[in-house]
Amino acid sequence: QKLQFDTSSTISIDITKMRKGVESNSWKVVNWADPISTEDESMFNCELTTFVSSSGKQAAICATQISKCADGKYFADVWNKGEGGKAPYYHLEIGAQHGACILEMLLETDAMILAFEPHPKNVYSIRKTISALPKALQNRVTLFPIGLSDETMKDTFSYNTKSSLRATSELSIYAERLDSVLDTDKIPPKLIKLVNLDVQGFECNILEGMGDKMADKIGSMKLKWESNGQKCEDNKDYLHKLRDKFGFDIWRKHENGYMYLAPGEKSALGGADIFASRNERYYDE
């Protein structure tokens, strides 16, 4: 069985009206009219390689190695097999890395994309990739150069640059709560059709930072359960929050697709990928 979404109505909303005024001199949403600064070019570099989507469509991607979206075909199938109106529903890419899953969703779906990536080097790569695309595709991507967490955070680290004049540079990484970035009162329920959450064990922090109102705006999420790896003080509440507080059903990935995870089964998950969904429909392969 595979998961399929109910998209029986078409909703039109301007993403700029959904955003809260949390930007500062420290970080700003990327402007595709002027995406890359001279300072960025002096610090970072990457080579354009060919990205191939799940159906064979191609685009240039700025990456240090061959990039692919691991669950790209599944995301595209799930998105495109819904019934009724589609655009402009939103896909949230949290932990976008080099942007491979952004490209997959751009090439294979009509999704509007909200992407979050905190590492400046990865943000540079995404900027290079998206700015090389046609304007119509650029306009479907809103890139937030921040991470998400359960509180506002800033961290600074040293980075080895490509410049021979400046071997290292101090870089900052920022994080915000999702419900402080997007205005939950202006987002219709399930406008955010799909969330891909790939943050290496910090999933529970991000769930806490969504808040109850934001969770209601999300149709489904793909994320990872790591029973011994969640970087939270109390990870036992993770699945409970998804199921009982946020109202999602939980599905576990296995070799033939996704199977329903009944309450109390979390001990069998190990390091499994899971889907959290609500009001879903299913069909046989």
C-alpha atoms as a PDB file:
ATOM      1  CA  GLN A   1       0.000   0.000   0.000  1.00  0.00           C
ATOM      2  CA  LYS A   2       0.988   3.575  -0.599  1.00  0.00           C
ATOM      3  CA  LEU A   3      -0.216   6.802   0.913  1.00  0.00           C
ATOM      4  CA  GLN A   4      -2.330   9.186  -1.140  1.00  0.00           C
ATOM      5  CA  PHE A   5      -3.520  12.678  -0.255  1.00  0.00           C
ATOM      6  CA  ASP A   6      -6.945  14.203  -0.419  1.00  0.00           C
ATOM      7  CA  THR A   7      -6.564  17.369  -2.530  1.00  0.00           C
ATOM      8  CA  SER A   8     -10.207  17.934  -3.326  1.00  0.00           C
ATOM      9  CA  SER A   9     -10.038  21.722  -3.228  1.00  0.00           C
ATOM     10  CA  THR A  10      -7.779  24.382  -4.665  1.00  0.00           C
ATOM     11  CA  ILE A  11      -6.472  27.065  -2.313  1.00  0.00           C
ATOM     12  CA  SER A  12      -4.784  30.286  -3.364  1.00  0.00           C
ATOM     13  CA  ILE A  13      -2.627  32.149  -0.875  1.00  0.00           C
ATOM     14  CA  ASP A  14       0.396  34.430  -1.050  1.00  0.00           C
ATOM     15  CA  ILE A  15       3.329  33.024   0.927  1.00  0.00           C
ATOM     16  CA  THR A  16       4.464  36.537   1.873  1.00  0.00           C
ATOM     17  CA  LYS A  17       1.226  36.929   3.850  1.00  0.00           C
ATOM     18  CA  MET A  18       2.029  33.752   5.762  1.00  0.00           C
ATOM     19  CA  ARG A  19       5.431  34.954   6.934  1.00  0.00           C
ATOM     20  CA  LYS A  20       6.033  36.704  10.219  1.00  0.00           C
ATOM     21  CA  GLY A  21       8.453  39.603  10.518  1.00  0.00           C
ATOM     22  CA  VAL A  22      11.278  37.687  12.200  1.00  0.00           C
ATOM     23  CA  GLU A  23      13.946  38.519   9.625  1.00  0.00           C
ATOM     24  CA  SER A  24      16.787  40.716  10.833  1.00  0.00           C
ATOM     25  CA  ASN A  25      20.215  41.893   9.738  1.00  0.00           C
ATOM     26  CA  SER A  26      21.399  38.402  10.709  1.00  0.00           C
ATOM     27  CA  TRP A  27      19.353  36.447   8.141  1.00  0.00           C
ATOM     28  CA  LYS A  28      16.845  37.114   5.398  1.00  0.00           C
ATOM     29  CA  VAL A  29      14.798  35.017   3.012  1.00  0.00           C
ATOM     30  CA  VAL A  30      16.782  34.598  -0.207  1.00  0.00           C
ATOM     31  CA  ASN A  31      15.939  37.091  -2.946  1.00  0.00           C
ATOM     32  CA  TRP A  32      16.220  35.330  -6.328  1.00  0.00           C
ATOM     33  CA  ALA A  33      16.767  38.659  -8.061  1.00  0.00           C
ATOM     34  CA  ASP A  34      20.078  38.961  -6.185  1.00  0.00           C
ATOM     35  CA  PRO A  35      20.751  35.539  -4.666  1.00  0.00           C
ATOM     36  CA  ILE A  36      24.541  35.437  -4.217  1.00  0.00           C
ATOM     37  CA  SER A  37      26.825  38.063  -2.711  1.00  0.00           C
ATOM     38  CA  THR A  38      30.436  38.793  -3.630  1.00  0.00           C
ATOM     39  CA  GLU A  39      31.407  37.604  -0.157  1.00  0.00           C
ATOM     40  CA  ASP A  40      29.697  34.259  -0.758  1.00  0.00           C
ATOM     41  CA  GLU A  41      31.588  33.787  -4.008  1.00  0.00           C
ATOM     42  CA  SER A  42      34.883  34.540  -2.253  1.00  0.00           C
ATOM     43  CA  MET A  43      34.264  31.907   0.405  1.00  0.00           C
ATOM     44  CA  PHE A  44      32.490  28.991  -1.262  1.00  0.00           C
ATOM     45  CA  ASN A  45      32.600  27.054  -4.466  1.00  0.00           C
ATOM     46  CA  CYS A  46      30.922  24.012  -5.976  1.00  0.00           C
ATOM     47  CA  GLU A  47      30.732  22.389  -9.378  1.00  0.00           C
ATOM     48  CA  LEU A  48      27.588  22.089 -11.438  1.00  0.00           C
ATOM     49  CA  THR A  49      26.703  18.459 -12.011  1.00  0.00           C
ATOM     50  CA  THR A  50      23.633  16.890 -13.568  1.00  0.00           C
ATOM     51  CA  PHE A  51      20.720  16.056 -11.318  1.00  0.00           C
ATOM     52  CA  VAL A  52      18.380  13.383 -12.670  1.00  0.00           C
ATOM     53  CA  SER A  53      14.894  13.216 -11.187  1.00  0.00           C
ATOM     54  CA  SER A  54      12.949  10.011 -10.492  1.00  0.00           C
ATOM     55  CA  SER A  55      11.375  10.119 -13.972  1.00  0.00           C
ATOM     56  CA  GLY A  56      14.594  11.064 -15.778  1.00  0.00           C
ATOM     57  CA  LYS A  57      14.180  14.847 -15.983  1.00  0.00           C
ATOM     58  CA  GLN A  58      17.457  16.734 -15.695  1.00  0.00           C
ATOM     59  CA  ALA A  59      18.712  20.003 -14.230  1.00  0.00           C
ATOM     60  CA  ALA A  60      22.067  21.377 -13.127  1.00  0.00           C
ATOM     61  CA  ILE A  61      22.805  21.112  -9.422  1.00  0.00           C
ATOM     62  CA  CYS A  62      25.642  22.807  -7.569  1.00  0.00           C
ATOM     63  CA  ALA A  63      27.074  20.077  -5.370  1.00  0.00           C
ATOM     64  CA  THR A  64      30.392  18.580  -4.306  1.00  0.00           C
ATOM     65  CA  GLN A  65      29.177  15.094  -5.176  1.00  0.00           C
ATOM     66  CA  ILE A  66      26.397  13.423  -7.133  1.00  0.00           C
ATOM     67  CA  SER A  67      23.154  14.330  -5.394  1.00  0.00           C
ATOM     68  CA  LYS A  68      19.843  12.526  -5.377  1.00  0.00           C
ATOM     69  CA  CYS A  69      16.664  12.745  -3.347  1.00  0.00           C
ATOM     70  CA  ALA A  70      16.492   9.384  -1.584  1.00  0.00           C
ATOM     71  CA  ASP A  71      12.693   9.319  -1.343  1.00  0.00           C
ATOM     72  CA  GLY A  72      12.104  11.468  -4.413  1.00  0.00           C
ATOM     73  CA  LYS A  73      10.004   9.008  -6.401  1.00  0.00           C
ATOM     74  CA  TYR A  74       7.799   8.327  -3.421  1.00  0.00           C
ATOM     75  CA  PHE A  75       7.295  12.054  -2.721  1.00  0.00           C
ATOM     76  CA  ALA A  76       6.431  12.721  -6.364  1.00  0.00           C
ATOM     77  CA  ASP A  77       4.046   9.751  -6.589  1.00  0.00           C
ATOM     78  CA  VAL A  78       2.271  10.731  -3.395  1.00  0.00           C
ATOM     79  CA  TRP A  79       1.942  14.347  -4.468  1.00  0.00           C
ATOM     80  CA  ASN A  80       0.746  13.731  -8.023  1.00  0.00           C
ATOM     81  CA  LYS A  81      -1.786  10.961  -7.358  1.00  0.00           C
ATOM     82  CA  GLY A  82      -4.087  13.121  -5.281  1.00  0.00           C
ATOM     83  CA  GLU A  83      -7.516  13.913  -6.699  1.00  0.00           C
ATOM     84  CA  GLY A  84      -9.040  17.276  -7.500  1.00  0.00           C
ATOM     85  CA  GLY A  85      -7.242  20.618  -7.301  1.00  0.00           C
ATOM     86  CA  LYS A  86      -3.517  20.700  -6.646  1.00  0.00           C
ATOM     87  CA  ALA A  87      -1.534  23.947  -6.720  1.00  0.00           C
ATOM     88  CA  PRO A  88      -0.724  25.983  -4.804  1.00  0.00           C
ATOM     89  CA  TYR A  89      -0.210  23.545  -1.971  1.00  0.00           C
ATOM     90  CA  TYR A  90       3.120  23.755  -0.177  1.00  0.00           C
ATOM     91  CA  HIS A  91       5.950  21.327   0.445  1.00  0.00           C
ATOM     92  CA  LEU A  92       8.266  22.006   3.406  1.00  0.00           C
ATOM     93  CA  GLU A  93      11.833  20.799   2.982  1.00  0.00           C
ATOM     94  CA  ILE A  94      13.419  20.979   6.443  1.00  0.00           C
ATOM     95  CA  GLY A  95      17.118  20.213   6.314  1.00  0.00           C
ATOM     96  CA  ALA A  96      17.418  20.858   2.569  1.00  0.00           C
ATOM     97  CA  GLN A  97      21.180  20.150   2.416  1.00  0.00           C
ATOM     98  CA  HIS A  98      22.343  20.666  -1.220  1.00  0.00           C
ATOM     99  CA  GLY A  99      18.791  20.942  -2.544  1.00  0.00           C
ATOM    100  CA  ALA A 100      18.332  17.598  -4.308  1.00  0.00           C
ATOM    101  CA  CYS A 101      14.810  17.090  -2.946  1.00  0.00           C
ATOM    102  CA  ILE A 102      13.954  20.687  -3.845  1.00  0.00           C
ATOM    103  CA  LEU A 103      14.850  19.893  -7.453  1.00  0.00           C
ATOM    104  CA  GLU A 104      12.908  16.630  -7.363  1.00  0.00           C
ATOM    105  CA  MET A 105       9.751  18.418  -6.244  1.00  0.00           C
ATOM    106  CA  LEU A 106      10.250  21.257  -8.740  1.00  0.00           C
ATOM    107  CA  LEU A 107      10.706  18.922 -11.695  1.00  0.00           C
ATOM    108  CA  GLU A 108       8.159  16.245 -10.771  1.00  0.00           C
ATOM    109  CA  THR A 109       5.324  18.173  -9.078  1.00  0.00           C
ATOM    110  CA  ASP A 110       3.573  21.530  -9.047  1.00  0.00           C
ATOM    111  CA  ALA A 111       4.444  22.095  -5.375  1.00  0.00           C
ATOM    112  CA  MET A 112       5.291  25.467  -3.949  1.00  0.00           C
ATOM    113  CA  ILE A 113       8.350  24.877  -1.781  1.00  0.00           C
ATOM    114  CA  LEU A 114       9.440  26.326   1.549  1.00  0.00           C
ATOM    115  CA  ALA A 115      13.020  25.190   2.176  1.00  0.00           C
ATOM    116  CA  PHE A 116      15.016  25.520   5.413  1.00  0.00           C
ATOM    117  CA  GLU A 117      18.784  24.987   5.511  1.00  0.00           C
ATOM    118  CA  PRO A 118      21.087  26.531   8.144  1.00  0.00           C
ATOM    119  CA  HIS A 119      24.603  25.741   6.903  1.00  0.00           C
ATOM    120  CA  PRO A 120      25.953  28.674   4.838  1.00  0.00           C
ATOM    121  CA  LYS A 121      27.849  26.366   2.452  1.00  0.00           C
ATOM    122  CA  ASN A 122      24.715  24.385   1.678  1.00  0.00           C
ATOM    123  CA  VAL A 123      22.688  27.576   1.344  1.00  0.00           C
ATOM    124  CA  TYR A 124      25.247  28.806  -1.208  1.00  0.00           C
ATOM    125  CA  SER A 125      24.858  25.568  -3.192  1.00  0.00           C
ATOM    126  CA  ILE A 126      21.062  25.870  -3.208  1.00  0.00           C
ATOM    127  CA  ARG A 127      21.275  29.515  -4.275  1.00  0.00           C
ATOM    128  CA  LYS A 128      23.554  28.601  -7.190  1.00  0.00           C
ATOM    129  CA  THR A 129      21.274  25.758  -8.239  1.00  0.00           C
ATOM    130  CA  ILE A 130      17.964  27.585  -8.057  1.00  0.00           C
ATOM    131  CA  SER A 131      19.269  30.838  -9.569  1.00  0.00           C
ATOM    132  CA  ALA A 132      20.300  28.856 -12.688  1.00  0.00           C
ATOM    133  CA  LEU A 133      16.733  27.628 -13.238  1.00  0.00           C
ATOM    134  CA  PRO A 134      14.033  29.391 -15.274  1.00  0.00           C
ATOM    135  CA  LYS A 135      12.288  32.157 -13.386  1.00  0.00           C
ATOM    136  CA  ALA A 136       9.023  30.218 -13.254  1.00  0.00           C
ATOM    137  CA  LEU A 137      10.755  27.516 -11.210  1.00  0.00           C
ATOM    138  CA  GLN A 138      12.636  30.021  -9.051  1.00  0.00           C
ATOM    139  CA  ASN A 139       9.352  31.637  -8.088  1.00  0.00           C
ATOM    140  CA  ARG A 140       8.113  28.376  -6.594  1.00  0.00           C
ATOM    141  CA  VAL A 141      10.927  28.259  -4.017  1.00  0.00           C
ATOM    142  CA  THR A 142      11.179  30.272  -0.805  1.00  0.00           C
ATOM    143  CA  LEU A 143      14.556  29.591   0.829  1.00  0.00           C
ATOM    144  CA  PHE A 144      15.044  30.332   4.511  1.00  0.00           C
ATOM    145  CA  PRO A 145      18.795  30.283   5.395  1.00  0.00           C
ATOM    146  CA  ILE A 146      18.067  29.015   8.890  1.00  0.00           C
ATOM    147  CA  GLY A 147      17.458  25.817  10.800  1.00  0.00           C
ATOM    148  CA  LEU A 148      14.365  25.066  12.837  1.00  0.00           C
ATOM    149  CA  SER A 149      14.270  24.215  16.528  1.00  0.00           C
ATOM    150  CA  ASP A 150      12.205  24.733  19.671  1.00  0.00           C
ATOM    151  CA  GLU A 151      13.818  28.111  20.406  1.00  0.00           C
ATOM    152  CA  THR A 152      15.692  30.945  18.714  1.00  0.00           C
ATOM    153  CA  MET A 153      19.361  30.012  18.492  1.00  0.00           C
ATOM    154  CA  LYS A 154      22.668  31.198  17.049  1.00  0.00           C
ATOM    155  CA  ASP A 155      25.925  29.275  16.764  1.00  0.00           C
ATOM    156  CA  THR A 156      29.284  30.377  15.362  1.00  0.00           C
ATOM    157  CA  PHE A 157      32.035  28.197  13.931  1.00  0.00           C
ATOM    158  CA  SER A 158      35.233  28.465  11.879  1.00  0.00           C
ATOM    159  CA  TYR A 159      35.093  27.472   8.219  1.00  0.00           C
ATOM    160  CA  ASN A 160      37.940  26.815   5.780  1.00  0.00           C
ATOM    161  CA  THR A 161      37.269  29.041   2.796  1.00  0.00           C
ATOM    162  CA  LYS A 162      38.459  28.664  -0.797  1.00  0.00           C
ATOM    163  CA  SER A 163      40.312  32.003  -0.620  1.00  0.00           C
ATOM    164  CA  SER A 164      44.100  31.966  -0.275  1.00  0.00           C
ATOM    165  CA  LEU A 165      43.877  35.420   1.297  1.00  0.00           C
ATOM    166  CA  ARG A 166      41.525  34.299   4.051  1.00  0.00           C
ATOM    167  CA  ALA A 167      42.075  30.687   5.027  1.00  0.00           C
ATOM    168  CA  THR A 168      39.289  30.580   7.603  1.00  0.00           C
ATOM    169  CA  SER A 169      36.211  32.597   8.378  1.00  0.00           C
ATOM    170  CA  GLU A 170      33.763  32.796  11.247  1.00  0.00           C
ATOM    171  CA  LEU A 171      30.297  31.702  10.113  1.00  0.00           C
ATOM    172  CA  SER A 172      27.016  31.829  11.986  1.00  0.00           C
ATOM    173  CA  ILE A 173      24.112  29.406  11.933  1.00  0.00           C
ATOM    174  CA  TYR A 174      20.650  30.537  13.003  1.00  0.00           C
ATOM    175  CA  ALA A 175      17.564  28.633  14.097  1.00  0.00           C
ATOM    176  CA  GLU A 176      13.988  29.690  14.784  1.00  0.00           C
ATOM    177  CA  ARG A 177      10.732  28.054  15.819  1.00  0.00           C
ATOM    178  CA  LEU A 178       8.572  27.263  12.778  1.00  0.00           C
ATOM    179  CA  ASP A 179       5.589  28.963  14.401  1.00  0.00           C
ATOM    180  CA  SER A 180       7.668  32.130  14.780  1.00  0.00           C
ATOM    181  CA  VAL A 181       8.538  32.160  11.049  1.00  0.00           C
ATOM    182  CA  LEU A 182       5.098  31.377   9.601  1.00  0.00           C
ATOM    183  CA  ASP A 183       1.867  32.969  10.814  1.00  0.00           C
ATOM    184  CA  THR A 184      -0.388  30.059  11.723  1.00  0.00           C
ATOM    185  CA  ASP A 185      -3.470  32.283  11.867  1.00  0.00           C
ATOM    186  CA  LYS A 186      -3.164  33.021   8.130  1.00  0.00           C
ATOM    187  CA  ILE A 187      -2.604  29.461   6.886  1.00  0.00           C
ATOM    188  CA  PRO A 188      -5.624  27.274   6.008  1.00  0.00           C
ATOM    189  CA  PRO A 189      -5.669  23.704   7.378  1.00  0.00           C
ATOM    190  CA  LYS A 190      -3.513  21.250   5.412  1.00  0.00           C
ATOM    191  CA  LEU A 191      -2.253  23.946   3.045  1.00  0.00           C
ATOM    192  CA  ILE A 192       1.171  22.426   3.734  1.00  0.00           C
ATOM    193  CA  LYS A 193       0.563  19.153   1.967  1.00  0.00           C
ATOM    194  CA  LEU A 194       3.871  17.401   2.693  1.00  0.00           C
ATOM    195  CA  VAL A 195       6.855  17.937   4.999  1.00  0.00           C
ATOM    196  CA  ASN A 196      10.209  16.209   4.537  1.00  0.00           C
ATOM    197  CA  LEU A 197      12.035  16.412   7.861  1.00  0.00           C
ATOM    198  CA  ASP A 198      15.695  15.337   7.667  1.00  0.00           C
ATOM    199  CA  VAL A 199      17.646  16.814  10.570  1.00  0.00           C
ATOM    200  CA  GLN A 200      19.816  14.005  11.917  1.00  0.00           C
ATOM    201  CA  GLY A 201      18.142  13.379  15.243  1.00  0.00           C
ATOM    202  CA  PHE A 202      16.703  16.820  16.058  1.00  0.00           C
ATOM    203  CA  GLU A 203      13.192  15.965  14.828  1.00  0.00           C
ATOM    204  CA  CYS A 204      11.692  16.239  18.297  1.00  0.00           C
ATOM    205  CA  ASN A 205      13.035  19.785  18.745  1.00  0.00           C
ATOM    206  CA  ILE A 206      11.406  20.857  15.497  1.00  0.00           C
ATOM    207  CA  LEU A 207       8.099  19.237  16.402  1.00  0.00           C
ATOM    208  CA  GLU A 208       8.143  21.164  19.666  1.00  0.00           C
ATOM    209  CA  GLY A 209       8.849  24.367  17.723  1.00  0.00           C
ATOM    210  CA  MET A 210       5.897  23.817  15.386  1.00  0.00           C
ATOM    211  CA  GLY A 211       3.327  24.372  18.080  1.00  0.00           C
ATOM    212  CA  ASP A 212      -0.202  22.943  18.088  1.00  0.00           C
ATOM    213  CA  LYS A 213      -1.638  25.407  15.567  1.00  0.00           C
ATOM    214  CA  MET A 214       1.070  24.780  12.962  1.00  0.00           C
ATOM    215  CA  ALA A 215       0.638  21.009  13.109  1.00  0.00           C
ATOM    216  CA  ASP A 216      -2.988  21.452  12.026  1.00  0.00           C
ATOM    217  CA  LYS A 217      -1.805  23.086   8.787  1.00  0.00           C
ATOM    218  CA  ILE A 218       0.183  19.995   7.735  1.00  0.00           C
ATOM    219  CA  GLY A 219      -1.273  17.089   5.778  1.00  0.00           C
ATOM    220  CA  SER A 220       1.597  14.605   6.125  1.00  0.00           C
ATOM    221  CA  MET A 221       5.210  14.393   7.249  1.00  0.00           C
ATOM    222  CA  LYS A 222       8.081  12.078   6.425  1.00  0.00           C
ATOM    223  CA  LEU A 223      10.647  11.862   9.207  1.00  0.00           C
ATOM    224  CA  LYS A 224      12.964   9.440  10.953  1.00  0.00           C
ATOM    225  CA  TRP A 225      12.562   7.683  14.277  1.00  0.00           C
ATOM    226  CA  GLU A 226      15.870   6.899  15.985  1.00  0.00           C
ATOM    227  CA  SER A 227      15.040   5.238  19.282  1.00  0.00           C
ATOM    228  CA  ASN A 228      18.498   5.913  20.718  1.00  0.00           C
ATOM    229  CA  GLY A 229      19.450   8.917  18.664  1.00  0.00           C
ATOM    230  CA  GLN A 230      16.929  11.672  19.271  1.00  0.00           C
ATOM    231  CA  LYS A 231      18.831  14.664  20.611  1.00  0.00           C
ATOM    232  CA  CYS A 232      16.179  15.620  23.149  1.00  0.00           C
ATOM    233  CA  GLU A 233      15.922  15.303  26.887  1.00  0.00           C
ATOM    234  CA  ASP A 234      12.694  13.324  26.599  1.00  0.00           C
ATOM    235  CA  ASN A 235      12.260  11.469  23.307  1.00  0.00           C
ATOM    236  CA  LYS A 236       9.591   9.093  24.613  1.00  0.00           C
ATOM    237  CA  ASP A 237       6.980  11.779  23.875  1.00  0.00           C
ATOM    238  CA  TYR A 238       7.954  12.000  20.176  1.00  0.00           C
ATOM    239  CA  LEU A 239       5.456   9.530  18.672  1.00  0.00           C
ATOM    240  CA  HIS A 240       2.885  10.391  21.337  1.00  0.00           C
ATOM    241  CA  LYS A 241       3.041  14.019  20.220  1.00  0.00           C
ATOM    242  CA  LEU A 242       2.520  13.095  16.570  1.00  0.00           C
ATOM    243  CA  ARG A 243      -0.371  10.723  17.216  1.00  0.00           C
ATOM    244  CA  ASP A 244      -2.242  12.024  20.256  1.00  0.00           C
ATOM    245  CA  LYS A 245      -1.455  15.731  20.363  1.00  0.00           C
ATOM    246  CA  PHE A 246      -1.123  16.560  16.662  1.00  0.00           C
ATOM    247  CA  GLY A 247      -3.685  14.002  15.436  1.00  0.00           C
ATOM    248  CA  PHE A 248      -1.552  12.083  12.924  1.00  0.00           C
ATOM    249  CA  ASP A 249      -1.674   8.385  12.109  1.00  0.00           C
ATOM    250  CA  ILE A 250       1.801   6.863  11.900  1.00  0.00           C
ATOM    251  CA  TRP A 251       3.141   4.636   9.145  1.00  0.00           C
ATOM    252  CA  ARG A 252       6.425   2.746   9.165  1.00  0.00           C
ATOM    253  CA  LYS A 253       8.601   2.286   6.088  1.00  0.00           C
ATOM    254  CA  HIS A 254       9.387  -1.251   5.046  1.00  0.00           C
ATOM    255  CA  GLU A 255      10.571  -2.979   1.885  1.00  0.00           C
ATOM    256  CA  ASN A 256       7.154  -2.907   0.170  1.00  0.00           C
ATOM    257  CA  GLY A 257       6.066   0.602   1.106  1.00  0.00           C
ATOM    258  CA  TYR A 258       4.576   1.977   4.320  1.00  0.00           C
ATOM    259  CA  MET A 259       2.615  -0.048   6.869  1.00  0.00           C
ATOM    260  CA  TYR A 260       0.390   1.274   9.657  1.00  0.00           C
ATOM    261  CA  LEU A 261       2.083   1.529  13.056  1.00  0.00           C
ATOM    262  CA  ALA A 262      -0.414   0.744  15.794  1.00  0.00           C
ATOM    263  CA  PRO A 263      -0.170   2.481  19.191  1.00  0.00           C
ATOM    264  CA  GLY A 264       2.456   0.894  21.391  1.00  0.00           C
ATOM    265  CA  GLU A 265       4.627  -0.416  18.520  1.00  0.00           C
ATOM    266  CA  LYS A 266       7.420   2.119  18.793  1.00  0.00           C
ATOM    267  CA  SER A 267       9.865  -0.414  20.256  1.00  0.00           C
ATOM    268  CA  ALA A 268       9.892  -2.207  16.910  1.00  0.00           C
ATOM    269  CA  LEU A 269      10.889   0.869  14.934  1.00  0.00           C
ATOM    270  CA  GLY A 270      14.639   0.920  15.481  1.00  0.00           C
ATOM    271  CA  GLY A 271      15.936   3.563  13.071  1.00  0.00           C
ATOM    272  CA  ALA A 272      12.981   3.450  10.693  1.00  0.00           C
ATOM    273  CA  ASP A 273      11.656   6.158   8.390  1.00  0.00           C
ATOM    274  CA  ILE A 274       8.068   6.990   9.214  1.00  0.00           C
ATOM    275  CA  PHE A 275       5.183   8.907   7.691  1.00  0.00           C
ATOM    276  CA  ALA A 276       2.767  10.830   9.877  1.00  0.00           C
ATOM    277  CA  SER A 277      -0.492  11.522   8.048  1.00  0.00           C
ATOM    278  CA  ARG A 278      -4.104  12.486   8.624  1.00  0.00           C
ATOM    279  CA  ASN A 279      -7.269  11.936   6.545  1.00  0.00           C
ATOM    280  CA  GLU A 280      -5.304   9.788   4.150  1.00  0.00           C
ATOM    281  CA  ARG A 281      -6.477   7.460   1.384  1.00  0.00           C
ATOM    282  CA  TYR A 282      -4.763   4.289   0.272  1.00  0.00           C
ATOM    283  CA  TYR A 283      -4.603   2.117  -2.820  1.00  0.00           C
ATOM    284  CA  ASP A 284      -3.003  -1.184  -3.669  1.00  0.00           C
ATOM    285  CA  GLU A 285       0.135  -1.195  -5.767  1.00  0.00           C
END
